[in-house]
Amino acid sequence: MAFLIVIALLKYIYDGELDIKEDFVMDLYELTDKWVIKDLNKHCIEFIESNFTMENVGEIAKRAEEIGSEELCEAAADFLVNCGKVFEEEDVREIPQFLLIKAFCKLKQQVQQKKKYG
């Protein structure tokens, strides 16, 4: 896996070619964050955000928390708030508690703003 990450990084640096795969995007994101490769890091974030699903948002959020990425944690919470799904018990079992709390706080804030501004 590390080989694929290095290849993707080198392709981007030398050719400007974007080769992001779901299999290693979190590792590539972490690497570009540590090495401050802002453009590629931004592409990783966009890729992750556009590929959130109910099945993967919990795992992505756990990994984001482990590596200290508040930006990805916020994006995961935004996904939950804006996915337009009524959650069933089985939906939330796999979602980390911190992410559920963050999503509910965002939702509460939205409701309060709607009440305040009509």
Protein backbone atom coordinates (compact mmCIF):
# COMPACT_ATOMS: atom_id res chain seq x y z
CA MET A 1 0.00 0.00 0.00
CA ALA A 2 2.80 2.41 0.86
CA PHE A 3 4.18 1.92 -2.63
CA LEU A 4 0.88 3.08 -4.20
CA ILE A 5 0.84 6.18 -2.00
CA VAL A 6 4.38 7.12 -2.98
CA ILE A 7 3.58 6.55 -6.67
CA ALA A 8 0.46 8.75 -6.41
CA LEU A 9 2.46 11.45 -4.65
CA LEU A 10 5.27 11.39 -7.22
CA LYS A 11 2.83 11.42 -10.14
CA TYR A 12 1.22 14.51 -8.70
CA ILE A 13 4.49 16.29 -7.93
CA TYR A 14 6.20 15.55 -11.25
CA ASP A 15 3.33 15.27 -13.74
CA GLY A 16 0.49 17.05 -12.00
CA GLU A 17 -1.47 13.83 -12.48
CA LEU A 18 -4.08 13.07 -9.87
CA ASP A 19 -4.29 9.37 -9.02
CA ILE A 20 -6.35 9.14 -5.85
CA LYS A 21 -7.97 5.86 -4.93
CA GLU A 22 -10.39 5.14 -2.12
CA ASP A 23 -8.09 2.34 -0.89
CA PHE A 24 -5.35 4.76 0.16
CA VAL A 25 -6.84 8.25 0.17
CA MET A 26 -6.69 8.59 3.97
CA ASP A 27 -3.01 7.63 4.02
CA LEU A 28 -2.29 10.06 1.19
CA TYR A 29 -4.26 12.76 3.00
CA GLU A 30 -2.26 12.20 6.18
CA LEU A 31 1.03 12.30 4.27
CA THR A 32 0.16 15.50 2.40
CA ASP A 33 -1.00 17.08 5.64
CA LYS A 34 2.30 16.26 7.40
CA TRP A 35 4.44 17.34 4.44
CA VAL A 36 2.26 20.43 3.82
CA ILE A 37 1.47 19.64 0.19
CA LYS A 38 -1.61 21.85 0.24
CA ASP A 39 -2.91 21.35 -3.31
CA LEU A 40 -2.86 17.56 -3.14
CA ASN A 41 -4.19 17.66 0.41
CA LYS A 42 -7.15 19.72 -0.82
CA HIS A 43 -7.79 17.20 -3.60
CA CYS A 44 -7.75 14.39 -1.02
CA ILE A 45 -10.30 16.23 1.14
CA GLU A 46 -12.55 16.83 -1.87
CA PHE A 47 -12.27 13.16 -2.87
CA ILE A 48 -13.11 11.98 0.65
CA GLU A 49 -16.05 14.37 0.98
CA SER A 50 -17.49 13.35 -2.38
CA ASN A 51 -17.23 9.66 -1.45
CA PHE A 52 -18.84 9.72 2.02
CA THR A 53 -21.47 7.04 2.51
CA MET A 54 -23.34 5.88 5.58
CA GLU A 55 -21.14 2.79 5.47
CA ASN A 56 -17.79 4.61 5.51
CA VAL A 57 -18.38 7.91 7.32
CA GLY A 58 -17.78 6.39 10.75
CA GLU A 59 -14.46 4.79 9.82
CA ILE A 60 -13.28 7.94 8.06
CA ALA A 61 -14.20 10.04 11.09
CA LYS A 62 -12.36 7.65 13.44
CA ARG A 63 -9.25 7.89 11.29
CA ALA A 64 -9.59 11.67 11.00
CA GLU A 65 -9.76 11.94 14.78
CA GLU A 66 -6.70 9.67 15.16
CA ILE A 67 -4.62 11.88 12.89
CA GLY A 68 -6.00 15.09 14.35
CA SER A 69 -7.91 16.32 11.32
CA GLU A 70 -10.66 18.56 12.62
CA GLU A 71 -11.48 19.52 9.03
CA LEU A 72 -12.38 15.94 8.07
CA CYS A 73 -14.28 15.40 11.33
CA GLU A 74 -16.34 18.50 10.55
CA ALA A 75 -16.93 17.30 6.99
CA ALA A 76 -18.12 13.93 8.30
CA ALA A 77 -20.52 15.64 10.71
CA ASP A 78 -21.78 17.86 7.88
CA PHE A 79 -22.42 14.75 5.80
CA LEU A 80 -24.54 13.24 8.57
CA VAL A 81 -26.51 16.46 9.04
CA ASN A 82 -27.10 16.99 5.33
CA CYS A 83 -27.54 13.42 4.06
CA GLY A 84 -31.31 13.74 4.28
CA LYS A 85 -31.73 10.32 5.84
CA VAL A 86 -33.86 9.46 8.84
CA PHE A 87 -31.52 7.42 11.00
CA GLU A 88 -32.45 3.96 12.16
CA GLU A 89 -30.81 2.29 15.14
CA GLU A 90 -28.57 0.14 12.91
CA ASP A 91 -27.35 3.28 11.10
CA VAL A 92 -25.88 4.82 14.21
CA ARG A 93 -24.33 1.72 15.75
CA GLU A 94 -21.20 2.01 13.60
CA ILE A 95 -20.85 5.79 13.92
CA PRO A 96 -18.47 6.98 16.65
CA GLN A 97 -20.08 8.80 19.55
CA PHE A 98 -17.98 11.93 19.07
CA LEU A 99 -19.23 12.21 15.48
CA LEU A 100 -22.87 11.78 16.48
CA ILE A 101 -22.48 14.49 19.13
CA LYS A 102 -20.82 16.82 16.62
CA ALA A 103 -23.58 16.19 14.06
CA PHE A 104 -26.37 16.73 16.60
CA CYS A 105 -24.75 19.98 17.78
CA LYS A 106 -24.63 21.20 14.18
CA LEU A 107 -28.24 20.19 13.67
CA LYS A 108 -29.30 21.95 16.86
CA GLN A 109 -27.47 25.08 15.72
CA GLN A 110 -29.28 24.97 12.36
CA VAL A 111 -32.66 24.63 14.09
CA GLN A 112 -31.88 27.54 16.42
CA GLN A 113 -30.86 29.74 13.48
CA LYS A 114 -34.06 28.90 11.62
CA LYS A 115 -36.11 29.81 14.69
CA LYS A 116 -34.19 33.05 15.16
CA TYR A 117 -34.27 34.22 11.54
CA GLY A 118 -37.50 32.59 10.42
